[in-house]
Amino acid sequence: MAYRAGLTRYTYQKYEKGESRPGHSANPTLRTLLALTQVLGITLTDLVPGNAPDLRSR
């Protein structure tokens, strides 16, 4: 999966765990998200939760 998406195995494992550094959530780029959707054969909206928080308030 990582290889097909153009990611290192380490980076992909961090995304699977949901963190980029211990205690910090993962924040993949749009390019990474699109690569993953292409490998999985799904759409970008399939990766984004329907109840995503409003980030404008931060």
PDB file of N, CA and C in Angstrom:
ATOM      1  N   MET A   1       0.831  -1.188   0.000  1.00  0.00           N
ATOM      2  CA  MET A   1       0.000   0.000   0.000  1.00  0.00           C
ATOM      3  C   MET A   1       0.877   1.254   0.000  1.00  0.00           C
ATOM      4  N   ALA A   2       1.823   1.321   0.925  1.00  0.00           N
ATOM      5  CA  ALA A   2       2.696   2.493   1.007  1.00  0.00           C
ATOM      6  C   ALA A   2       3.458   2.696  -0.298  1.00  0.00           C
ATOM      7  N   TYR A   3       4.052   1.626  -0.799  1.00  0.00           N
ATOM      8  CA  TYR A   3       4.832   1.701  -2.031  1.00  0.00           C
ATOM      9  C   TYR A   3       3.964   2.180  -3.194  1.00  0.00           C
ATOM     10  N   ARG A   4       2.785   1.621  -3.334  1.00  0.00           N
ATOM     11  CA  ARG A   4       1.891   1.985  -4.436  1.00  0.00           C
ATOM     12  C   ARG A   4       1.420   3.430  -4.338  1.00  0.00           C
ATOM     13  N   ALA A   5       1.340   3.977  -3.117  1.00  0.00           N
ATOM     14  CA  ALA A   5       0.918   5.367  -2.924  1.00  0.00           C
ATOM     15  C   ALA A   5       2.098   6.335  -2.956  1.00  0.00           C
ATOM     16  N   GLY A   6       3.315   5.801  -3.076  1.00  0.00           N
ATOM     17  CA  GLY A   6       4.494   6.669  -3.123  1.00  0.00           C
ATOM     18  C   GLY A   6       4.926   7.177  -1.764  1.00  0.00           C
ATOM     19  N   LEU A   7       4.603   6.419  -0.717  1.00  0.00           N
ATOM     20  CA  LEU A   7       4.962   6.801   0.654  1.00  0.00           C
ATOM     21  C   LEU A   7       5.992   5.826   1.203  1.00  0.00           C
ATOM     22  N   THR A   8       6.743   6.287   2.191  1.00  0.00           N
ATOM     23  CA  THR A   8       7.609   5.344   2.884  1.00  0.00           C
ATOM     24  C   THR A   8       6.741   4.489   3.793  1.00  0.00           C
ATOM     25  N   ARG A   9       7.225   3.331   4.117  1.00  0.00           N
ATOM     26  CA  ARG A   9       6.470   2.443   5.004  1.00  0.00           C
ATOM     27  C   ARG A   9       6.276   3.095   6.377  1.00  0.00           C
ATOM     28  N   TYR A  10       7.304   3.781   6.842  1.00  0.00           N
ATOM     29  CA  TYR A  10       7.246   4.453   8.141  1.00  0.00           C
ATOM     30  C   TYR A  10       6.136   5.513   8.148  1.00  0.00           C
ATOM     31  N   THR A  11       6.096   6.331   7.095  1.00  0.00           N
ATOM     32  CA  THR A  11       5.070   7.375   7.011  1.00  0.00           C
ATOM     33  C   THR A  11       3.674   6.766   6.966  1.00  0.00           C
ATOM     34  N   TYR A  12       3.522   5.718   6.168  1.00  0.00           N
ATOM     35  CA  TYR A  12       2.219   5.067   6.075  1.00  0.00           C
ATOM     36  C   TYR A  12       1.794   4.490   7.417  1.00  0.00           C
ATOM     37  N   GLN A  13       2.723   3.890   8.147  1.00  0.00           N
ATOM     38  CA  GLN A  13       2.403   3.344   9.470  1.00  0.00           C
ATOM     39  C   GLN A  13       1.956   4.449  10.417  1.00  0.00           C
ATOM     40  N   LYS A  14       2.575   5.608  10.330  1.00  0.00           N
ATOM     41  CA  LYS A  14       2.175   6.734  11.183  1.00  0.00           C
ATOM     42  C   LYS A  14       0.756   7.187  10.838  1.00  0.00           C
ATOM     43  N   TYR A  15       0.431   7.211   9.546  1.00  0.00           N
ATOM     44  CA  TYR A  15      -0.935   7.580   9.160  1.00  0.00           C
ATOM     45  C   TYR A  15      -1.941   6.554   9.658  1.00  0.00           C
ATOM     46  N   GLU A  16      -1.576   5.276   9.608  1.00  0.00           N
ATOM     47  CA  GLU A  16      -2.468   4.238  10.120  1.00  0.00           C
ATOM     48  C   GLU A  16      -2.725   4.426  11.610  1.00  0.00           C
ATOM     49  N   LYS A  17      -1.696   4.835  12.332  1.00  0.00           N
ATOM     50  CA  LYS A  17      -1.827   5.060  13.776  1.00  0.00           C
ATOM     51  C   LYS A  17      -2.507   6.392  14.080  1.00  0.00           C
ATOM     52  N   GLY A  18      -2.559   7.281  13.086  1.00  0.00           N
ATOM     53  CA  GLY A  18      -3.201   8.579  13.288  1.00  0.00           C
ATOM     54  C   GLY A  18      -2.314   9.600  13.943  1.00  0.00           C
ATOM     55  N   GLU A  19      -1.015   9.414  13.864  1.00  0.00           N
ATOM     56  CA  GLU A  19      -0.122  10.395  14.468  1.00  0.00           C
ATOM     57  C   GLU A  19       1.114  10.596  13.595  1.00  0.00           C
ATOM     58  N   SER A  20       1.629  11.819  13.633  1.00  0.00           N
ATOM     59  CA  SER A  20       2.849  12.097  12.894  1.00  0.00           C
ATOM     60  C   SER A  20       4.042  12.064  13.841  1.00  0.00           C
ATOM     61  N   ARG A  21       3.826  12.502  15.057  1.00  0.00           N
ATOM     62  CA  ARG A  21       4.801  12.399  16.140  1.00  0.00           C
ATOM     63  C   ARG A  21       4.010  11.956  17.362  1.00  0.00           C
ATOM     64  N   PRO A  22       4.645  11.319  18.300  1.00  0.00           N
ATOM     65  CA  PRO A  22       3.891  10.898  19.492  1.00  0.00           C
ATOM     66  C   PRO A  22       3.143  12.076  20.116  1.00  0.00           C
ATOM     67  N   GLY A  23       1.852  11.900  20.265  1.00  0.00           N
ATOM     68  CA  GLY A  23       1.024  12.938  20.870  1.00  0.00           C
ATOM     69  C   GLY A  23       0.513  13.994  19.904  1.00  0.00           C
ATOM     70  N   HIS A  24       0.884  13.921  18.639  1.00  0.00           N
ATOM     71  CA  HIS A  24       0.440  14.883  17.635  1.00  0.00           C
ATOM     72  C   HIS A  24      -0.286  14.134  16.514  1.00  0.00           C
ATOM     73  N   SER A  25      -1.458  14.633  16.161  1.00  0.00           N
ATOM     74  CA  SER A  25      -2.241  13.944  15.135  1.00  0.00           C
ATOM     75  C   SER A  25      -1.603  14.088  13.764  1.00  0.00           C
ATOM     76  N   ALA A  26      -1.892  13.120  12.907  1.00  0.00           N
ATOM     77  CA  ALA A  26      -1.367  13.129  11.546  1.00  0.00           C
ATOM     78  C   ALA A  26      -2.090  14.185  10.726  1.00  0.00           C
ATOM     79  N   ASN A  27      -1.370  14.784   9.808  1.00  0.00           N
ATOM     80  CA  ASN A  27      -1.946  15.799   8.935  1.00  0.00           C
ATOM     81  C   ASN A  27      -1.421  15.581   7.521  1.00  0.00           C
ATOM     82  N   PRO A  28      -1.952  14.561   6.824  1.00  0.00           N
ATOM     83  CA  PRO A  28      -1.448  14.265   5.489  1.00  0.00           C
ATOM     84  C   PRO A  28      -1.782  15.376   4.497  1.00  0.00           C
ATOM     85  N   THR A  29      -0.947  15.508   3.491  1.00  0.00           N
ATOM     86  CA  THR A  29      -1.189  16.502   2.438  1.00  0.00           C
ATOM     87  C   THR A  29      -2.313  16.021   1.521  1.00  0.00           C
ATOM     88  N   LEU A  30      -2.832  16.934   0.751  1.00  0.00           N
ATOM     89  CA  LEU A  30      -3.878  16.580  -0.211  1.00  0.00           C
ATOM     90  C   LEU A  30      -3.327  15.588  -1.232  1.00  0.00           C
ATOM     91  N   ARG A  31      -2.082  15.754  -1.625  1.00  0.00           N
ATOM     92  CA  ARG A  31      -1.457  14.824  -2.564  1.00  0.00           C
ATOM     93  C   ARG A  31      -1.431  13.413  -1.999  1.00  0.00           C
ATOM     94  N   THR A  32      -1.096  13.291  -0.728  1.00  0.00           N
ATOM     95  CA  THR A  32      -1.060  11.983  -0.075  1.00  0.00           C
ATOM     96  C   THR A  32      -2.448  11.373  -0.021  1.00  0.00           C
ATOM     97  N   LEU A  33      -3.438  12.172   0.332  1.00  0.00           N
ATOM     98  CA  LEU A  33      -4.810  11.665   0.383  1.00  0.00           C
ATOM     99  C   LEU A  33      -5.279  11.194  -0.988  1.00  0.00           C
ATOM    100  N   LEU A  34      -4.962  11.967  -2.016  1.00  0.00           N
ATOM    101  CA  LEU A  34      -5.360  11.566  -3.371  1.00  0.00           C
ATOM    102  C   LEU A  34      -4.644  10.290  -3.803  1.00  0.00           C
ATOM    103  N   ALA A  35      -3.367  10.155  -3.462  1.00  0.00           N
ATOM    104  CA  ALA A  35      -2.626   8.936  -3.806  1.00  0.00           C
ATOM    105  C   ALA A  35      -3.257   7.728  -3.137  1.00  0.00           C
ATOM    106  N   LEU A  36      -3.642   7.859  -1.881  1.00  0.00           N
ATOM    107  CA  LEU A  36      -4.264   6.747  -1.159  1.00  0.00           C
ATOM    108  C   LEU A  36      -5.613   6.376  -1.773  1.00  0.00           C
ATOM    109  N   THR A  37      -6.395   7.377  -2.159  1.00  0.00           N
ATOM    110  CA  THR A  37      -7.698   7.071  -2.762  1.00  0.00           C
ATOM    111  C   THR A  37      -7.531   6.345  -4.086  1.00  0.00           C
ATOM    112  N   GLN A  38      -6.508   6.712  -4.857  1.00  0.00           N
ATOM    113  CA  GLN A  38      -6.272   6.049  -6.137  1.00  0.00           C
ATOM    114  C   GLN A  38      -5.864   4.595  -5.939  1.00  0.00           C
ATOM    115  N   VAL A  39      -5.022   4.345  -4.957  1.00  0.00           N
ATOM    116  CA  VAL A  39      -4.590   2.972  -4.678  1.00  0.00           C
ATOM    117  C   VAL A  39      -5.768   2.137  -4.179  1.00  0.00           C
ATOM    118  N   LEU A  40      -6.595   2.725  -3.332  1.00  0.00           N
ATOM    119  CA  LEU A  40      -7.726   2.003  -2.756  1.00  0.00           C
ATOM    120  C   LEU A  40      -8.922   1.915  -3.704  1.00  0.00           C
ATOM    121  N   GLY A  41      -8.930   2.749  -4.741  1.00  0.00           N
ATOM    122  CA  GLY A  41     -10.059   2.751  -5.669  1.00  0.00           C
ATOM    123  C   GLY A  41     -11.311   3.362  -5.068  1.00  0.00           C
ATOM    124  N   ILE A  42     -11.125   4.387  -4.247  1.00  0.00           N
ATOM    125  CA  ILE A  42     -12.249   5.077  -3.608  1.00  0.00           C
ATOM    126  C   ILE A  42     -12.153   6.564  -3.915  1.00  0.00           C
ATOM    127  N   THR A  43     -13.173   7.328  -3.508  1.00  0.00           N
ATOM    128  CA  THR A  43     -13.148   8.774  -3.717  1.00  0.00           C
ATOM    129  C   THR A  43     -12.615   9.469  -2.475  1.00  0.00           C
ATOM    130  N   LEU A  44     -12.219  10.708  -2.647  1.00  0.00           N
ATOM    131  CA  LEU A  44     -11.708  11.494  -1.527  1.00  0.00           C
ATOM    132  C   LEU A  44     -12.768  11.654  -0.439  1.00  0.00           C
ATOM    133  N   THR A  45     -14.019  11.770  -0.829  1.00  0.00           N
ATOM    134  CA  THR A  45     -15.083  11.927   0.161  1.00  0.00           C
ATOM    135  C   THR A  45     -15.258  10.668   1.011  1.00  0.00           C
ATOM    136  N   ASP A  46     -14.801   9.515   0.512  1.00  0.00           N
ATOM    137  CA  ASP A  46     -14.854   8.295   1.316  1.00  0.00           C
ATOM    138  C   ASP A  46     -13.868   8.349   2.486  1.00  0.00           C
ATOM    139  N   LEU A  47     -12.807   9.141   2.351  1.00  0.00           N
ATOM    140  CA  LEU A  47     -11.816   9.255   3.424  1.00  0.00           C
ATOM    141  C   LEU A  47     -12.170  10.314   4.454  1.00  0.00           C
ATOM    142  N   VAL A  48     -12.965  11.289   4.037  1.00  0.00           N
ATOM    143  CA  VAL A  48     -13.292  12.409   4.922  1.00  0.00           C
ATOM    144  C   VAL A  48     -14.584  12.093   5.672  1.00  0.00           C
ATOM    145  N   PRO A  49     -14.559  12.209   6.978  1.00  0.00           N
ATOM    146  CA  PRO A  49     -15.774  11.903   7.741  1.00  0.00           C
ATOM    147  C   PRO A  49     -16.887  12.897   7.433  1.00  0.00           C
ATOM    148  N   GLY A  50     -18.113  12.405   7.479  1.00  0.00           N
ATOM    149  CA  GLY A  50     -19.265  13.253   7.209  1.00  0.00           C
ATOM    150  C   GLY A  50     -19.472  14.331   8.258  1.00  0.00           C
ATOM    151  N   ASN A  51     -19.000  14.091   9.431  1.00  0.00           N
ATOM    152  CA  ASN A  51     -19.162  15.052  10.528  1.00  0.00           C
ATOM    153  C   ASN A  51     -17.832  15.713  10.861  1.00  0.00           C
ATOM    154  N   ALA A  52     -17.103  16.123   9.837  1.00  0.00           N
ATOM    155  CA  ALA A  52     -15.812  16.771  10.042  1.00  0.00           C
ATOM    156  C   ALA A  52     -15.998  18.071  10.837  1.00  0.00           C
ATOM    157  N   PRO A  53     -15.087  18.362  11.754  1.00  0.00           N
ATOM    158  CA  PRO A  53     -15.226  19.572  12.567  1.00  0.00           C
ATOM    159  C   PRO A  53     -15.012  20.821  11.727  1.00  0.00           C
ATOM    160  N   ASP A  54     -15.618  21.918  12.152  1.00  0.00           N
ATOM    161  CA  ASP A  54     -15.433  23.205  11.488  1.00  0.00           C
ATOM    162  C   ASP A  54     -14.087  23.771  11.926  1.00  0.00           C
ATOM    163  N   LEU A  55     -13.108  23.744  11.054  1.00  0.00           N
ATOM    164  CA  LEU A  55     -11.761  24.160  11.404  1.00  0.00           C
ATOM    165  C   LEU A  55     -11.581  25.671  11.345  1.00  0.00           C
ATOM    166  N   ARG A  56     -12.570  26.369  10.866  1.00  0.00           N
ATOM    167  CA  ARG A  56     -12.457  27.832  10.806  1.00  0.00           C
ATOM    168  C   ARG A  56     -12.461  28.455  12.193  1.00  0.00           C
ATOM    169  N   SER A  57     -13.004  27.755  13.164  1.00  0.00           N
ATOM    170  CA  SER A  57     -13.110  28.312  14.515  1.00  0.00           C
ATOM    171  C   SER A  57     -11.825  28.173  15.309  1.00  0.00           C
ATOM    172  N   ARG A  58     -10.807  27.591  14.731  1.00  0.00           N
ATOM    173  CA  ARG A  58      -9.538  27.400  15.458  1.00  0.00           C
ATOM    174  C   ARG A  58      -8.632  28.567  15.298  1.00  0.00           C
TER     175      ARG A  58
END
